[in-house]
Amino acid sequence: MWIPRRKLITAATALGLGLGVATQASGAPAHPPGKQRAAGRQSGTHRANLTLLERPGDRFEKSLEVAHRQVEKAEALRVDGGRAAGDRYPTPESVGVSSATLDAIASCESGGDPSAASADGTYRGKYQFDYGTWASVGGSGDPAAAPEAEQDYRAALLYVRGGSSPWPICGS
């Protein structure tokens, strides 16, 4: 019978000590010894020195900032479809087309020049898009004025949709 009672007393003491430490850690003023208590009442501005307890809080805040930045980066990657930082368009591989396939088409169509235009101006850019085809894969404006990464991405979308048939000579 004495053993359970001792455990109960020990547990209650530990709980009380733990609550006291938790209260002080949360910013409640500590209870200073008798003489300091009296002096503190007289001045009315007694505050315990909690610098040791504040430092972990500073580290915690920095940890939260780092975690927040990591979440922002992960969210940006999720929204951007897994693109690398700074790229506005996914790679051809991300839609299932190899860059080697597109490089071969571009080399034949325009010599790989993203600003190329046919003699009559109908076909433009690295893959010699006409305006209708460019628009059908989500492009806007002049294909030859679009960034090369966008031309690669839009050509990959076109290739997924129709294979090499949009490029009857160079796609075969």
N, C-alpha and C. Protein backbone atom coordinates (compact mmCIF):
# COMPACT_ATOMS: atom_id res chain seq x y z
N MET A 1 0.81 -1.19 0.00
CA MET A 1 0.00 0.00 0.00
C MET A 1 0.86 1.26 0.00
N TRP A 2 2.02 1.20 0.60
CA TRP A 2 2.87 2.38 0.65
C TRP A 2 3.46 2.72 -0.72
N ILE A 3 3.74 1.73 -1.53
CA ILE A 3 4.36 1.98 -2.83
C ILE A 3 3.42 2.77 -3.75
N PRO A 4 2.17 2.39 -3.92
CA PRO A 4 1.30 3.19 -4.78
C PRO A 4 1.13 4.61 -4.27
N ARG A 5 1.09 4.80 -2.96
CA ARG A 5 0.93 6.15 -2.41
C ARG A 5 2.16 7.00 -2.72
N ARG A 6 3.34 6.39 -2.62
CA ARG A 6 4.58 7.13 -2.95
C ARG A 6 4.58 7.52 -4.43
N LYS A 7 4.15 6.60 -5.27
CA LYS A 7 4.10 6.91 -6.70
C LYS A 7 3.13 8.05 -6.97
N LEU A 8 2.01 8.05 -6.26
CA LEU A 8 1.03 9.10 -6.43
C LEU A 8 1.60 10.44 -5.99
N ILE A 9 2.30 10.45 -4.86
CA ILE A 9 2.89 11.69 -4.36
C ILE A 9 3.98 12.16 -5.32
N THR A 10 4.81 11.25 -5.80
CA THR A 10 5.88 11.59 -6.74
C THR A 10 5.28 12.15 -8.04
N ALA A 11 4.23 11.52 -8.53
CA ALA A 11 3.60 11.98 -9.77
C ALA A 11 2.97 13.36 -9.57
N ALA A 12 2.33 13.58 -8.45
CA ALA A 12 1.72 14.88 -8.19
C ALA A 12 2.78 15.97 -8.07
N THR A 13 3.90 15.65 -7.43
CA THR A 13 4.98 16.61 -7.29
C THR A 13 5.56 16.94 -8.66
N ALA A 14 5.79 15.94 -9.48
CA ALA A 14 6.34 16.16 -10.82
C ALA A 14 5.37 16.97 -11.67
N LEU A 15 4.09 16.68 -11.56
CA LEU A 15 3.09 17.44 -12.31
C LEU A 15 3.08 18.90 -11.89
N GLY A 16 3.13 19.13 -10.59
CA GLY A 16 3.15 20.51 -10.09
C GLY A 16 4.40 21.25 -10.55
N LEU A 17 5.55 20.59 -10.49
CA LEU A 17 6.80 21.20 -10.95
C LEU A 17 6.73 21.48 -12.45
N GLY A 18 6.20 20.53 -13.20
CA GLY A 18 6.06 20.71 -14.65
C GLY A 18 5.14 21.87 -14.99
N LEU A 19 4.03 22.01 -14.30
CA LEU A 19 3.12 23.12 -14.54
C LEU A 19 3.77 24.45 -14.20
N GLY A 20 4.56 24.46 -13.13
CA GLY A 20 5.26 25.69 -12.75
C GLY A 20 6.26 26.11 -13.81
N VAL A 21 7.01 25.16 -14.35
CA VAL A 21 7.98 25.47 -15.40
C VAL A 21 7.26 25.91 -16.67
N ALA A 22 6.18 25.23 -17.02
CA ALA A 22 5.42 25.60 -18.21
C ALA A 22 4.83 27.00 -18.08
N THR A 23 4.36 27.35 -16.91
CA THR A 23 3.80 28.68 -16.69
C THR A 23 4.87 29.74 -16.86
N GLN A 24 6.07 29.48 -16.30
CA GLN A 24 7.15 30.45 -16.44
C GLN A 24 7.62 30.52 -17.88
N ALA A 25 7.66 29.40 -18.57
CA ALA A 25 8.12 29.39 -19.96
C ALA A 25 7.16 30.15 -20.87
N SER A 26 5.88 30.17 -20.51
CA SER A 26 4.92 30.84 -21.37
C SER A 26 4.89 32.35 -21.18
N GLY A 27 5.72 32.85 -20.29
CA GLY A 27 5.83 34.30 -20.16
C GLY A 27 5.27 34.84 -18.86
N ALA A 28 4.72 33.99 -17.99
CA ALA A 28 4.23 34.47 -16.70
C ALA A 28 5.42 34.87 -15.84
N PRO A 29 5.32 35.92 -15.08
CA PRO A 29 6.46 36.34 -14.26
C PRO A 29 6.78 35.29 -13.20
N ALA A 30 8.06 35.11 -12.97
CA ALA A 30 8.51 34.16 -11.95
C ALA A 30 8.26 34.77 -10.58
N HIS A 31 8.18 33.92 -9.55
CA HIS A 31 8.02 34.40 -8.19
C HIS A 31 9.39 34.54 -7.56
N PRO A 32 9.89 35.75 -7.39
CA PRO A 32 11.20 35.94 -6.80
C PRO A 32 11.19 35.65 -5.30
N PRO A 33 12.35 35.42 -4.72
CA PRO A 33 12.43 35.21 -3.27
C PRO A 33 11.86 36.41 -2.52
N GLY A 34 11.60 36.23 -1.21
CA GLY A 34 10.91 37.20 -0.37
C GLY A 34 11.38 38.64 -0.49
N LYS A 35 12.67 38.93 -0.34
CA LYS A 35 13.16 40.31 -0.37
C LYS A 35 12.95 40.92 -1.75
N GLN A 36 13.21 40.13 -2.79
CA GLN A 36 13.02 40.66 -4.13
C GLN A 36 11.55 40.91 -4.43
N ARG A 37 10.68 40.04 -3.87
CA ARG A 37 9.25 40.21 -4.06
C ARG A 37 8.79 41.55 -3.51
N ALA A 38 9.26 41.87 -2.33
CA ALA A 38 8.87 43.13 -1.70
C ALA A 38 9.40 44.31 -2.52
N ALA A 39 10.64 44.21 -2.98
CA ALA A 39 11.21 45.30 -3.77
C ALA A 39 10.47 45.43 -5.09
N GLY A 40 10.07 44.30 -5.66
CA GLY A 40 9.35 44.33 -6.93
C GLY A 40 8.00 45.00 -6.78
N ARG A 41 7.34 44.78 -5.66
CA ARG A 41 6.04 45.41 -5.44
C ARG A 41 6.19 46.92 -5.32
N GLN A 42 7.28 47.33 -4.73
CA GLN A 42 7.47 48.75 -4.54
C GLN A 42 7.69 49.45 -5.88
N SER A 43 8.51 48.86 -6.73
CA SER A 43 8.77 49.52 -8.01
C SER A 43 7.65 49.27 -9.01
N GLY A 44 6.94 48.14 -8.86
CA GLY A 44 5.83 47.84 -9.74
C GLY A 44 6.25 47.36 -11.12
N THR A 45 7.54 47.17 -11.35
CA THR A 45 8.01 46.75 -12.68
C THR A 45 8.94 45.56 -12.57
N HIS A 46 8.54 44.53 -11.87
CA HIS A 46 9.40 43.36 -11.75
C HIS A 46 9.12 42.40 -12.90
N ARG A 47 10.16 41.99 -13.57
CA ARG A 47 10.03 41.00 -14.66
C ARG A 47 11.24 40.10 -14.56
N ALA A 48 11.01 38.82 -14.56
CA ALA A 48 12.10 37.86 -14.47
C ALA A 48 12.90 37.87 -15.77
N ASN A 49 14.15 37.57 -15.65
CA ASN A 49 15.02 37.50 -16.82
C ASN A 49 14.75 36.17 -17.52
N LEU A 50 14.13 36.21 -18.67
CA LEU A 50 13.76 34.98 -19.40
C LEU A 50 14.58 34.79 -20.67
N THR A 51 15.75 35.39 -20.74
CA THR A 51 16.52 35.29 -21.98
C THR A 51 16.83 33.86 -22.35
N LEU A 52 17.09 33.01 -21.36
CA LEU A 52 17.36 31.62 -21.69
C LEU A 52 16.14 30.95 -22.28
N LEU A 53 14.98 31.34 -21.82
CA LEU A 53 13.76 30.74 -22.36
C LEU A 53 13.35 31.40 -23.68
N GLU A 54 13.78 32.62 -23.94
CA GLU A 54 13.43 33.29 -25.18
C GLU A 54 14.26 32.80 -26.35
N ARG A 55 15.48 32.39 -26.12
CA ARG A 55 16.33 31.91 -27.22
C ARG A 55 15.73 30.73 -27.97
N PRO A 56 15.22 29.71 -27.28
CA PRO A 56 14.57 28.63 -28.04
C PRO A 56 13.40 29.15 -28.87
N GLY A 57 12.71 30.16 -28.36
CA GLY A 57 11.62 30.75 -29.14
C GLY A 57 12.12 31.39 -30.41
N ASP A 58 13.29 32.05 -30.35
CA ASP A 58 13.88 32.65 -31.54
C ASP A 58 14.23 31.57 -32.55
N ARG A 59 14.81 30.48 -32.07
CA ARG A 59 15.15 29.38 -32.99
C ARG A 59 13.89 28.78 -33.59
N PHE A 60 12.86 28.69 -32.79
CA PHE A 60 11.59 28.16 -33.28
C PHE A 60 11.03 29.06 -34.39
N GLU A 61 11.08 30.37 -34.18
CA GLU A 61 10.60 31.31 -35.20
C GLU A 61 11.39 31.16 -36.50
N LYS A 62 12.71 31.01 -36.40
CA LYS A 62 13.53 30.82 -37.61
C LYS A 62 13.18 29.51 -38.29
N SER A 63 12.92 28.48 -37.49
CA SER A 63 12.52 27.19 -38.07
C SER A 63 11.20 27.33 -38.82
N LEU A 64 10.29 28.10 -38.26
CA LEU A 64 9.01 28.32 -38.94
C LEU A 64 9.21 29.07 -40.26
N GLU A 65 10.11 30.05 -40.27
CA GLU A 65 10.39 30.79 -41.50
C GLU A 65 10.95 29.87 -42.58
N VAL A 66 11.89 28.99 -42.20
CA VAL A 66 12.47 28.05 -43.16
C VAL A 66 11.40 27.11 -43.68
N ALA A 67 10.57 26.59 -42.78
CA ALA A 67 9.50 25.68 -43.20
C ALA A 67 8.52 26.38 -44.14
N HIS A 68 8.23 27.64 -43.86
CA HIS A 68 7.31 28.40 -44.71
C HIS A 68 7.89 28.56 -46.11
N ARG A 69 9.20 28.86 -46.19
CA ARG A 69 9.83 28.99 -47.51
C ARG A 69 9.80 27.66 -48.26
N GLN A 70 10.02 26.55 -47.54
CA GLN A 70 10.00 25.24 -48.20
C GLN A 70 8.60 24.93 -48.73
N VAL A 71 7.59 25.28 -47.97
CA VAL A 71 6.22 25.05 -48.42
C VAL A 71 5.93 25.90 -49.66
N GLU A 72 6.39 27.16 -49.66
CA GLU A 72 6.18 28.01 -50.83
C GLU A 72 6.85 27.43 -52.07
N LYS A 73 8.07 26.92 -51.91
CA LYS A 73 8.77 26.31 -53.06
C LYS A 73 8.02 25.09 -53.56
N ALA A 74 7.58 24.24 -52.62
CA ALA A 74 6.86 23.03 -53.02
C ALA A 74 5.55 23.39 -53.71
N GLU A 75 4.85 24.40 -53.21
CA GLU A 75 3.61 24.85 -53.83
C GLU A 75 3.87 25.39 -55.22
N ALA A 76 4.95 26.15 -55.38
CA ALA A 76 5.29 26.70 -56.69
C ALA A 76 5.57 25.57 -57.68
N LEU A 77 6.27 24.54 -57.25
CA LEU A 77 6.55 23.41 -58.13
C LEU A 77 5.27 22.67 -58.48
N ARG A 78 4.36 22.53 -57.52
CA ARG A 78 3.10 21.85 -57.78
C ARG A 78 2.28 22.64 -58.80
N VAL A 79 2.21 23.94 -58.63
CA VAL A 79 1.44 24.78 -59.54
C VAL A 79 2.09 24.83 -60.92
N ASP A 80 3.43 24.82 -60.96
CA ASP A 80 4.15 24.93 -62.23
C ASP A 80 4.30 23.58 -62.93
N GLY A 81 3.72 22.53 -62.40
CA GLY A 81 3.80 21.24 -63.06
C GLY A 81 5.19 20.63 -63.02
N GLY A 82 5.95 20.90 -61.98
CA GLY A 82 7.26 20.30 -61.81
C GLY A 82 8.36 20.98 -62.58
N ARG A 83 8.13 22.21 -63.02
CA ARG A 83 9.16 22.93 -63.77
C ARG A 83 10.28 23.36 -62.84
N ALA A 84 11.45 23.50 -63.39
CA ALA A 84 12.58 24.01 -62.63
C ALA A 84 12.37 25.49 -62.37
N ALA A 85 13.03 25.99 -61.33
CA ALA A 85 12.88 27.41 -60.98
C ALA A 85 13.31 28.28 -62.16
N GLY A 86 12.53 29.27 -62.46
CA GLY A 86 12.86 30.19 -63.54
C GLY A 86 12.29 29.79 -64.89
N ASP A 87 11.93 28.53 -65.06
CA ASP A 87 11.34 28.09 -66.33
C ASP A 87 9.84 28.33 -66.27
N ARG A 88 9.30 28.84 -67.37
CA ARG A 88 7.86 29.09 -67.39
C ARG A 88 7.10 27.96 -68.06
N TYR A 89 7.81 27.06 -68.74
CA TYR A 89 7.15 26.00 -69.48
C TYR A 89 7.75 24.66 -69.12
N PRO A 90 6.92 23.62 -69.04
CA PRO A 90 7.44 22.28 -68.76
C PRO A 90 8.34 21.78 -69.89
N THR A 91 9.15 20.82 -69.60
CA THR A 91 10.02 20.23 -70.61
C THR A 91 9.20 19.31 -71.52
N PRO A 92 9.69 19.05 -72.72
CA PRO A 92 8.98 18.10 -73.60
C PRO A 92 8.82 16.72 -72.96
N GLU A 93 9.82 16.32 -72.18
CA GLU A 93 9.75 15.01 -71.52
C GLU A 93 8.58 14.93 -70.55
N SER A 94 8.20 16.07 -69.96
CA SER A 94 7.10 16.05 -68.99
C SER A 94 5.76 15.74 -69.64
N VAL A 95 5.66 15.89 -70.97
CA VAL A 95 4.43 15.53 -71.67
C VAL A 95 4.62 14.26 -72.51
N GLY A 96 5.76 13.62 -72.37
CA GLY A 96 5.98 12.32 -73.00
C GLY A 96 6.69 12.34 -74.34
N VAL A 97 7.39 13.41 -74.66
CA VAL A 97 8.11 13.49 -75.93
C VAL A 97 9.58 13.74 -75.64
N SER A 98 10.45 13.00 -76.31
CA SER A 98 11.88 13.20 -76.05
C SER A 98 12.39 14.45 -76.74
N SER A 99 13.33 15.11 -76.11
CA SER A 99 13.94 16.31 -76.70
C SER A 99 14.68 15.96 -77.98
N ALA A 100 15.23 14.75 -78.05
CA ALA A 100 15.95 14.33 -79.25
C ALA A 100 15.02 14.31 -80.47
N THR A 101 13.81 13.83 -80.28
CA THR A 101 12.82 13.80 -81.37
C THR A 101 12.52 15.21 -81.85
N LEU A 102 12.26 16.10 -80.90
CA LEU A 102 11.95 17.49 -81.27
C LEU A 102 13.16 18.19 -81.87
N ASP A 103 14.35 17.89 -81.38
CA ASP A 103 15.56 18.51 -81.94
C ASP A 103 15.74 18.11 -83.40
N ALA A 104 15.44 16.86 -83.72
CA ALA A 104 15.55 16.40 -85.11
C ALA A 104 14.55 17.15 -86.00
N ILE A 105 13.32 17.32 -85.51
CA ILE A 105 12.31 18.04 -86.28
C ILE A 105 12.73 19.50 -86.47
N ALA A 106 13.16 20.14 -85.38
CA ALA A 106 13.55 21.56 -85.44
C ALA A 106 14.75 21.76 -86.36
N SER A 107 15.69 20.83 -86.32
CA SER A 107 16.88 20.94 -87.16
C SER A 107 16.50 20.92 -88.64
N CYS A 108 15.56 20.07 -88.97
CA CYS A 108 15.11 19.96 -90.35
C CYS A 108 14.24 21.16 -90.75
N GLU A 109 13.33 21.58 -89.88
CA GLU A 109 12.39 22.66 -90.19
C GLU A 109 13.05 24.03 -90.30
N SER A 110 13.90 24.37 -89.32
CA SER A 110 14.42 25.74 -89.26
C SER A 110 15.91 25.81 -88.99
N GLY A 111 16.58 24.67 -89.00
CA GLY A 111 17.99 24.66 -88.61
C GLY A 111 18.14 24.89 -87.11
N GLY A 112 17.03 24.73 -86.35
CA GLY A 112 17.05 24.92 -84.90
C GLY A 112 16.95 26.37 -84.47
N ASP A 113 16.64 27.27 -85.41
CA ASP A 113 16.56 28.70 -85.09
C ASP A 113 15.15 29.07 -84.61
N PRO A 114 15.01 29.49 -83.33
CA PRO A 114 13.68 29.83 -82.80
C PRO A 114 13.05 31.06 -83.44
N SER A 115 13.84 31.90 -84.12
CA SER A 115 13.28 33.12 -84.72
C SER A 115 13.11 32.99 -86.24
N ALA A 116 13.25 31.78 -86.75
CA ALA A 116 13.17 31.57 -88.20
C ALA A 116 11.75 31.83 -88.72
N ALA A 117 11.69 32.24 -89.97
CA ALA A 117 10.41 32.45 -90.65
C ALA A 117 10.56 31.97 -92.10
N SER A 118 9.49 31.38 -92.62
CA SER A 118 9.52 30.93 -94.02
C SER A 118 9.58 32.17 -94.92
N ALA A 119 9.89 31.96 -96.19
CA ALA A 119 10.05 33.06 -97.14
C ALA A 119 8.79 33.92 -97.24
N ASP A 120 7.62 33.28 -97.21
CA ASP A 120 6.38 34.06 -97.32
C ASP A 120 5.83 34.46 -95.93
N GLY A 121 6.50 34.05 -94.84
CA GLY A 121 6.10 34.44 -93.48
C GLY A 121 4.97 33.62 -92.88
N THR A 122 4.52 32.60 -93.60
CA THR A 122 3.41 31.78 -93.11
C THR A 122 3.84 30.90 -91.94
N TYR A 123 5.01 30.31 -92.04
CA TYR A 123 5.50 29.39 -91.02
C TYR A 123 6.60 30.07 -90.23
N ARG A 124 6.48 29.97 -88.87
CA ARG A 124 7.38 30.77 -88.05
C ARG A 124 7.89 29.98 -86.85
N GLY A 125 9.09 30.30 -86.44
CA GLY A 125 9.67 29.72 -85.24
C GLY A 125 10.49 28.47 -85.50
N LYS A 126 10.97 27.91 -84.44
CA LYS A 126 11.86 26.75 -84.47
C LYS A 126 11.21 25.54 -85.15
N TYR A 127 9.89 25.39 -84.98
CA TYR A 127 9.17 24.24 -85.54
C TYR A 127 8.27 24.64 -86.71
N GLN A 128 8.41 25.87 -87.19
CA GLN A 128 7.67 26.39 -88.33
C GLN A 128 6.16 26.21 -88.16
N PHE A 129 5.66 26.76 -87.06
CA PHE A 129 4.22 26.78 -86.80
C PHE A 129 3.55 27.81 -87.70
N ASP A 130 2.33 27.51 -88.15
CA ASP A 130 1.52 28.59 -88.69
C ASP A 130 0.67 29.11 -87.53
N TYR A 131 0.06 30.26 -87.68
CA TYR A 131 -0.65 30.89 -86.56
C TYR A 131 -1.79 30.01 -86.02
N GLY A 132 -2.51 29.32 -86.89
CA GLY A 132 -3.63 28.48 -86.46
C GLY A 132 -3.16 27.30 -85.61
N THR A 133 -2.10 26.65 -86.07
CA THR A 133 -1.58 25.51 -85.32
C THR A 133 -1.01 25.97 -83.98
N TRP A 134 -0.32 27.10 -84.00
CA TRP A 134 0.25 27.67 -82.78
C TRP A 134 -0.86 27.94 -81.76
N ALA A 135 -1.94 28.52 -82.22
CA ALA A 135 -3.07 28.81 -81.32
C ALA A 135 -3.74 27.53 -80.83
N SER A 136 -3.76 26.49 -81.66
CA SER A 136 -4.42 25.24 -81.28
C SER A 136 -3.71 24.52 -80.12
N VAL A 137 -2.46 24.84 -79.90
CA VAL A 137 -1.73 24.23 -78.78
C VAL A 137 -1.52 25.24 -77.65
N GLY A 138 -2.32 26.32 -77.67
CA GLY A 138 -2.30 27.27 -76.57
C GLY A 138 -1.39 28.46 -76.74
N GLY A 139 -0.73 28.59 -77.87
CA GLY A 139 0.15 29.72 -78.10
C GLY A 139 -0.62 30.96 -78.48
N SER A 140 -0.01 32.11 -78.25
CA SER A 140 -0.63 33.36 -78.69
C SER A 140 0.45 34.26 -79.25
N GLY A 141 0.05 35.09 -80.20
CA GLY A 141 1.02 35.97 -80.82
C GLY A 141 1.85 35.25 -81.86
N ASP A 142 3.03 35.79 -82.12
CA ASP A 142 3.94 35.28 -83.13
C ASP A 142 4.77 34.12 -82.57
N PRO A 143 4.69 32.94 -83.19
CA PRO A 143 5.49 31.81 -82.69
C PRO A 143 6.99 32.11 -82.69
N ALA A 144 7.47 32.86 -83.67
CA ALA A 144 8.90 33.16 -83.75
C ALA A 144 9.35 34.12 -82.65
N ALA A 145 8.43 34.83 -82.05
CA ALA A 145 8.77 35.77 -80.97
C ALA A 145 8.66 35.11 -79.60
N ALA A 146 8.12 33.89 -79.55
CA ALA A 146 7.95 33.18 -78.28
C ALA A 146 9.30 32.65 -77.79
N PRO A 147 9.47 32.53 -76.49
CA PRO A 147 10.71 31.94 -75.96
C PRO A 147 10.90 30.52 -76.50
N GLU A 148 12.13 30.12 -76.63
CA GLU A 148 12.43 28.79 -77.16
C GLU A 148 11.79 27.69 -76.31
N ALA A 149 11.80 27.85 -74.99
CA ALA A 149 11.20 26.84 -74.11
C ALA A 149 9.71 26.70 -74.39
N GLU A 150 9.03 27.80 -74.70
CA GLU A 150 7.61 27.72 -75.03
C GLU A 150 7.43 27.00 -76.37
N GLN A 151 8.27 27.30 -77.35
CA GLN A 151 8.17 26.63 -78.64
C GLN A 151 8.38 25.13 -78.48
N ASP A 152 9.35 24.74 -77.67
CA ASP A 152 9.60 23.31 -77.42
C ASP A 152 8.38 22.66 -76.78
N TYR A 153 7.82 23.32 -75.77
CA TYR A 153 6.67 22.78 -75.06
C TYR A 153 5.46 22.65 -76.00
N ARG A 154 5.19 23.69 -76.78
CA ARG A 154 4.03 23.65 -77.67
C ARG A 154 4.22 22.63 -78.80
N ALA A 155 5.46 22.45 -79.27
CA ALA A 155 5.73 21.41 -80.27
C ALA A 155 5.52 20.03 -79.66
N ALA A 156 5.90 19.86 -78.40
CA ALA A 156 5.68 18.58 -77.72
C ALA A 156 4.19 18.29 -77.60
N LEU A 157 3.40 19.32 -77.26
CA LEU A 157 1.95 19.13 -77.19
C LEU A 157 1.38 18.72 -78.55
N LEU A 158 1.87 19.36 -79.61
CA LEU A 158 1.42 19.04 -80.96
C LEU A 158 1.83 17.61 -81.33
N TYR A 159 3.03 17.22 -80.95
CA TYR A 159 3.51 15.87 -81.25
C TYR A 159 2.68 14.82 -80.51
N VAL A 160 2.32 15.10 -79.26
CA VAL A 160 1.48 14.17 -78.49
C VAL A 160 0.12 14.02 -79.17
N ARG A 161 -0.41 15.11 -79.68
CA ARG A 161 -1.72 15.09 -80.31
C ARG A 161 -1.72 14.41 -81.68
N GLY A 162 -0.68 14.64 -82.48
CA GLY A 162 -0.73 14.13 -83.86
C GLY A 162 0.51 13.39 -84.33
N GLY A 163 1.41 13.05 -83.41
CA GLY A 163 2.63 12.38 -83.84
C GLY A 163 3.46 13.29 -84.72
N SER A 164 4.13 12.70 -85.70
CA SER A 164 4.99 13.50 -86.59
C SER A 164 4.23 14.04 -87.80
N SER A 165 2.93 13.76 -87.90
CA SER A 165 2.17 14.19 -89.08
C SER A 165 2.10 15.71 -89.27
N PRO A 166 2.16 16.55 -88.25
CA PRO A 166 2.17 17.99 -88.51
C PRO A 166 3.42 18.46 -89.26
N TRP A 167 4.45 17.62 -89.27
CA TRP A 167 5.69 17.93 -89.99
C TRP A 167 5.90 16.83 -91.03
N PRO A 168 5.16 16.89 -92.14
CA PRO A 168 5.15 15.76 -93.10
C PRO A 168 6.51 15.43 -93.71
N ILE A 169 7.37 16.41 -93.88
CA ILE A 169 8.67 16.13 -94.48
C ILE A 169 9.71 15.85 -93.37
N CYS A 170 9.76 16.72 -92.38
CA CYS A 170 10.80 16.62 -91.36
C CYS A 170 10.42 15.63 -90.24
N GLY A 171 9.16 15.30 -90.10
CA GLY A 171 8.74 14.40 -89.03
C GLY A 171 8.89 12.95 -89.34
N SER A 172 9.15 12.63 -90.61
CA SER A 172 9.23 11.21 -90.99
C SER A 172 10.58 10.61 -90.77
